[in-house]
Structures are given as structure tokens and as C-alpha cells.
Protein backbone atom coordinates (compact mmCIF):
# COMPACT_ATOMS: atom_id res chain seq x y z
CA MET A 1 83.72 157.63 66.00
CA ARG A 2 80.51 155.83 66.73
CA LEU A 3 81.87 152.59 65.18
CA ARG A 4 85.09 152.87 67.17
CA ARG A 5 83.12 153.45 70.36
CA LEU A 6 80.81 150.54 69.55
CA VAL A 7 83.81 148.24 68.97
CA ALA A 8 85.30 149.35 72.30
CA VAL A 9 82.03 148.72 74.13
CA LEU A 10 81.65 145.30 72.50
CA GLY A 11 85.23 144.48 73.41
CA LEU A 12 84.57 145.27 77.06
CA ALA A 13 81.41 143.19 76.98
CA VAL A 14 83.20 140.20 75.47
CA ALA A 15 86.01 140.52 78.02
CA SER A 16 83.44 140.63 80.81
CA VAL A 17 81.69 137.51 79.50
CA ALA A 18 85.06 135.74 79.17
CA LEU A 19 86.01 136.60 82.73
CA THR A 20 82.64 135.40 83.99
CA ALA A 21 82.98 132.14 82.03
CA ALA A 22 86.48 131.60 83.39
CA SER A 23 85.23 132.17 86.90
CA THR A 24 82.35 129.77 86.34
CA ASP A 25 84.67 127.15 84.86
CA ARG A 26 87.03 127.40 87.83
CA SER A 27 84.18 126.86 90.26
CA LYS A 28 83.40 123.55 88.57
CA THR A 29 86.97 122.25 88.31
CA PHE A 30 89.87 121.29 90.52
CA LYS A 31 93.58 121.37 89.88
CA VAL A 32 96.15 120.55 92.54
CA THR A 33 99.88 120.02 92.69
CA ALA A 34 101.28 118.72 95.95
CA ASP A 35 104.71 118.01 97.35
CA THR A 36 104.97 115.02 99.67
CA ILE A 37 107.34 113.97 102.45
CA GLU A 38 106.48 110.34 103.13
CA GLY A 39 107.65 107.38 105.19
CA CYS A 40 106.22 104.00 106.09
CA SER A 41 107.06 100.74 107.87
CA CYS A 42 108.22 98.93 104.73
CA PRO A 43 111.89 98.68 103.75
CA LEU A 44 113.06 100.85 100.88
CA PHE A 45 111.25 100.69 98.45
CA CYS A 46 107.68 100.15 99.74
CA GLU A 47 106.43 96.80 98.40
CA CYS A 48 102.83 98.03 98.36
CA TYR A 49 103.52 99.70 95.01
CA PHE A 50 104.39 96.40 93.34
CA ASN A 51 102.46 93.76 95.31
CA GLU A 52 99.05 93.17 96.85
CA GLN A 53 100.39 93.40 100.39
CA PRO A 54 103.15 95.22 102.31
CA ALA A 55 106.48 93.73 103.42
CA ASN A 56 104.89 92.94 106.76
CA PRO A 57 101.79 90.90 105.80
CA HIS A 58 99.76 92.53 108.56
CA MET A 59 100.43 96.25 108.26
CA CYS A 60 101.89 99.25 106.47
CA GLN A 61 102.03 102.14 108.96
CA PHE A 62 102.80 105.53 107.49
CA ASN A 63 103.28 109.25 107.93
CA ASN A 64 102.50 111.24 104.78
CA VAL A 65 102.83 115.04 104.84
CA TYR A 66 101.56 117.19 101.96
CA LYS A 67 102.04 120.81 100.97
CA PHE A 68 99.94 122.21 98.12
CA ALA A 69 101.75 124.31 95.52
CA PRO A 70 100.66 127.86 94.57
CA GLY A 71 97.65 127.86 92.27
CA SER A 72 96.15 124.64 93.65
CA HIS A 73 92.40 124.85 94.06
CA TRP A 74 89.18 122.91 94.45
CA GLY A 75 86.53 125.00 92.76
CA ASP A 76 86.83 128.51 94.15
CA VAL A 77 88.67 127.30 97.26
CA ASP A 78 92.36 128.23 97.11
CA LEU A 79 94.68 125.56 98.53
CA SER A 80 97.99 127.31 97.87
CA GLY A 81 100.48 126.62 100.64
CA GLN A 82 98.15 124.47 102.73
CA LYS A 83 99.73 121.61 104.72
CA VAL A 84 98.10 118.41 105.90
CA TRP A 85 99.40 115.22 107.53
CA MET A 86 98.07 111.69 107.19
CA SER A 87 99.09 108.96 109.67
CA GLY A 88 97.64 105.49 109.50
CA ASP A 89 97.82 101.81 108.73
CA LEU A 90 96.87 100.24 105.41
CA GLY A 91 96.72 96.83 107.04
CA GLY A 92 97.71 93.71 105.17
CA GLU A 93 94.64 92.96 103.06
CA TRP A 94 93.92 96.27 101.34
CA GLY A 95 95.30 95.21 97.97
CA LYS A 96 93.56 91.82 97.92
CA LYS A 97 89.92 92.71 98.55
CA PRO A 98 87.35 94.74 96.56
CA GLY A 99 87.22 98.38 97.59
CA MET A 100 90.71 98.15 99.08
CA PRO A 101 89.72 98.13 102.78
CA THR A 102 92.29 99.64 105.14
CA GLU A 103 92.69 99.77 108.92
CA TRP A 104 92.64 103.44 109.93
CA VAL A 105 93.82 106.98 109.17
CA THR A 106 94.25 110.14 111.23
CA VAL A 107 94.17 113.37 109.22
CA THR A 108 95.93 116.27 110.91
CA PHE A 109 95.11 119.67 109.44
CA ASP A 110 97.36 122.65 109.96
CA LYS A 111 95.75 125.16 112.34
CA GLY A 112 95.80 127.83 109.64
CA THR A 113 93.50 125.79 107.36
CA SER A 114 89.93 127.13 107.08
CA PRO A 115 86.83 124.89 107.23
CA ALA A 116 86.29 125.37 103.48
CA GLN A 117 89.89 124.38 102.76
CA ARG A 118 89.62 121.31 104.99
CA ASP A 119 86.50 120.21 103.14
CA ALA A 120 88.25 120.74 99.80
CA ILE A 121 91.30 118.74 100.92
CA ASN A 122 89.02 115.89 102.02
CA LYS A 123 87.55 115.84 98.52
CA VAL A 124 91.00 115.83 96.92
CA PHE A 125 92.09 112.92 99.12
CA ALA A 126 88.93 110.99 98.29
CA LYS A 127 90.14 110.96 94.68
CA VAL A 128 93.82 110.37 95.45
CA PHE A 129 93.12 107.47 97.86
CA PRO A 130 90.23 105.35 96.50
CA VAL A 131 90.18 103.08 99.55
CA LYS A 132 87.73 102.32 102.36
CA TRP A 133 89.21 103.53 105.62
CA GLY A 134 88.13 101.33 108.51
CA LYS A 135 88.35 104.29 110.88
CA VAL A 136 88.92 108.00 110.26
CA ASP A 137 89.98 110.53 112.90
CA VAL A 138 90.56 114.25 112.38
CA ARG A 139 92.68 116.60 114.47
CA GLU A 140 94.63 119.83 114.09
CA ASP A 141 98.17 120.90 114.90
CA GLU A 142 100.84 123.33 113.79
CA ILE A 143 102.76 121.63 110.99
CA GLU A 144 106.34 122.63 110.26
CA TRP A 145 107.69 121.74 106.81
CA ASN A 146 111.28 121.68 105.57
CA ASP A 147 112.20 120.42 102.10
CA VAL A 148 115.50 122.28 101.70
CA GLY A 149 118.85 120.48 101.67
CA ALA A 150 119.86 116.84 101.93
CA LYS A 151 117.40 116.09 104.73
CA LYS A 152 113.68 116.70 104.33
CA SER A 153 111.50 116.83 107.42
CA ALA A 154 108.13 117.68 108.91
CA HIS A 155 107.14 118.16 112.52
CA MET A 156 103.95 118.54 114.55
CA LYS A 157 104.38 121.27 117.16
CA SER A 158 102.57 119.07 119.69
CA GLY A 159 105.28 116.43 119.25
CA LYS A 160 102.75 113.79 118.23
CA GLY A 161 104.33 113.31 114.82
CA ASP A 162 107.74 113.69 113.21
CA ILE A 163 109.36 112.54 110.00
CA GLU A 164 112.87 113.00 108.66
CA LEU A 165 114.25 111.73 105.37
CA ALA A 166 117.90 111.10 104.57
CA MET A 167 117.93 111.22 100.79
CA TRP A 168 119.34 108.15 99.06
CA LYS A 169 122.21 108.99 96.72
CA GLY A 170 123.05 107.29 93.45
CA PRO A 171 126.24 105.35 92.61
CA ASP A 172 128.33 108.55 92.51
CA ALA A 173 126.96 109.64 95.94
CA LYS A 174 126.10 113.02 94.45
CA GLN A 175 122.80 112.68 92.63
CA ALA A 176 119.45 111.66 94.10
CA THR A 177 117.96 108.31 93.14
CA VAL A 178 114.63 108.82 91.38
CA LEU A 179 112.13 106.07 90.59
CA LYS A 180 109.97 106.98 87.60
CA ASN A 181 107.07 105.50 85.65
CA VAL A 182 105.35 104.32 88.85
CA GLN A 183 101.81 105.42 89.70
CA TYR A 184 101.25 107.37 92.93
CA TRP A 185 97.79 106.22 94.05
CA GLY A 186 94.98 107.94 92.12
CA THR A 187 96.95 110.95 90.91
CA ALA A 188 97.18 111.94 87.26
CA SER A 189 100.96 112.31 87.06
CA ASN A 190 104.10 112.67 89.15
CA GLU A 191 107.72 113.76 88.76
CA GLY A 192 109.14 110.56 90.23
CA PHE A 193 109.80 109.10 93.67
CA VAL A 194 112.98 110.65 95.10
CA LEU A 195 114.15 107.82 97.36
CA ALA A 196 115.21 108.17 100.99
CA LYS A 197 115.56 106.32 104.28
CA SER A 198 112.99 107.54 106.79
CA LYS A 199 112.84 108.06 110.52
CA HIS A 200 109.32 108.78 111.71
CA HIS A 201 106.82 108.33 114.52
CA PHE A 202 103.22 109.01 115.44
CA ASP A 203 101.74 109.16 118.94
CA GLY A 204 97.99 108.88 118.49
CA ASP A 205 95.62 106.20 119.79
CA ALA A 206 98.02 103.91 117.96
CA LYS A 207 101.70 104.59 118.54
CA TYR A 208 104.58 103.57 116.27
CA SER A 209 108.15 104.59 115.56
CA TYR A 210 110.51 103.53 112.74
CA GLU A 211 114.09 104.12 111.63
CA GLU A 212 115.89 103.24 108.40
CA LYS A 213 112.62 102.49 106.61
CA ASN A 214 111.10 103.44 103.27
CA GLY A 215 110.86 107.13 102.51
CA PHE A 216 110.58 109.47 99.56
CA THR A 217 109.56 112.87 98.35
CA ILE A 218 107.32 113.24 95.32
CA ARG A 219 105.44 116.00 93.49
CA TRP A 220 102.13 114.90 92.00
CA THR A 221 99.25 116.52 90.16
CA LEU A 222 95.55 115.90 89.82
CA ALA A 223 92.94 117.85 87.85
CA GLY A 224 89.41 117.45 86.58
CA LYS A 225 85.80 118.48 86.82
CA ILE A 226 84.02 118.52 90.15
CA ASP A 227 81.34 115.85 90.37
CA GLU A 228 78.00 117.16 91.53
CA GLY A 229 77.58 116.22 95.15
CA ALA A 230 81.24 115.15 95.48
CA HIS A 231 82.07 114.21 99.05
CA GLY A 232 85.24 113.39 100.92
CA HIS A 233 85.76 110.33 103.11
């Protein structure tokens, strides 16, 4: 009896240590999966992925909307279901100069995102987008997300930003056209660019509106250990 009781006690102790270790490991790691609804000023498909400059040699203006999948986290900060919107301009020189300098970006957080989650998302984006933003603005809004059906869309309740994608069909007009084996920025992996024509606008300090331009949805992942003193842009 004593041996059985001792084994049971040791088993509980080992389980407790394992749970503590798992918790500690999680606090020092990040793992995110995000779905993206994206459009820019380039024609389909965005030339920035294959060249050192966009189709327009002076700019690539974009609206990128992200929704983090369940289980996504940065350390102990849960990012499941969080939405965030990036509007900006890469400029025309970002791919030609060291550090990839860009023009500007405005990050719009959903109003339901906590300060800790916003900080974690900043740190994720610092890894995904290893560029030097010339100017960074931050705001908040209510972000509506719809990725069901043939048209994918996102909307800012304020009306300052909208994007709608009409998915590009393959030769049989039934299946989506998916571009694979292309890197999405600094992410670890992706499931392919599902091509679309985009209609989108942003009404910030800079205002732009586009129709029949590059668009796509994509699911990407990124994971690793948290660097001590890691900071977002």
C-alpha cells in the first residue's frame, strides 16, 4: 500500500512539474496562425513579390487585414480571434535599399483588443515585416470580418477603411486560383495565395481608393522563441 501511495504521490509531483515546465515554455515562445484579406495598388499579382519595386515605381499602397486563429499566442498573451488592420505605402525604394525603408503605415487595432494583446501583435508584426517604416500611426476602430463565400471583405465601422475581394477562378471557373511556393514576408510557412481582384480604400491622413487591383487571402504561420527584450516597431 505504501509503495502504491508513493507511486501515486510521485506521479502527481511529476505531472505538476510537467505542467509548470509547459507553462514556463509557453511564456518564452510564440506561435501564431493568421488569416489575411489583402489588397494593394499593384495589378494582379503584386510585383513586389518578384521584383525590387512595385508596378508603380513610386508606391505600393495597401490594406491588409488579419485575424488570428484559435491557439495563437505571444508568450502568455492569447491572440485567438484578434483582428488588426494595416494600411500604408511601401514606397518605391523599399526593395532596393538596406533595411528596406518604407513610407508609412497606420495600424488599426480592433476596439476589443487589450493593451497586452496590442503589444504582442506589434511584436509579431516586427518579425513578419522586417522593414523600417518611415512613419507609424496607431488608431482603433471596430473591425468587421467576412471570409465566407465567393467574396471576402473587411470593414471599419467608422468608414475609414474597406476592402472587398472577388476571388479569381481557374480555367473551369469553379476552383480558386492558388499561388504556392512563394514567401509571405517573414513568415515561416503559408498555405498559398488565393488570388482575387480587390476593391479597397483608406481615408486617413493619406487617402486612396482602388478597384480591380491585386488581392488575395492567405493563411500563414510563425513560431519561435521570444527574444529577451523583444520590441515591436
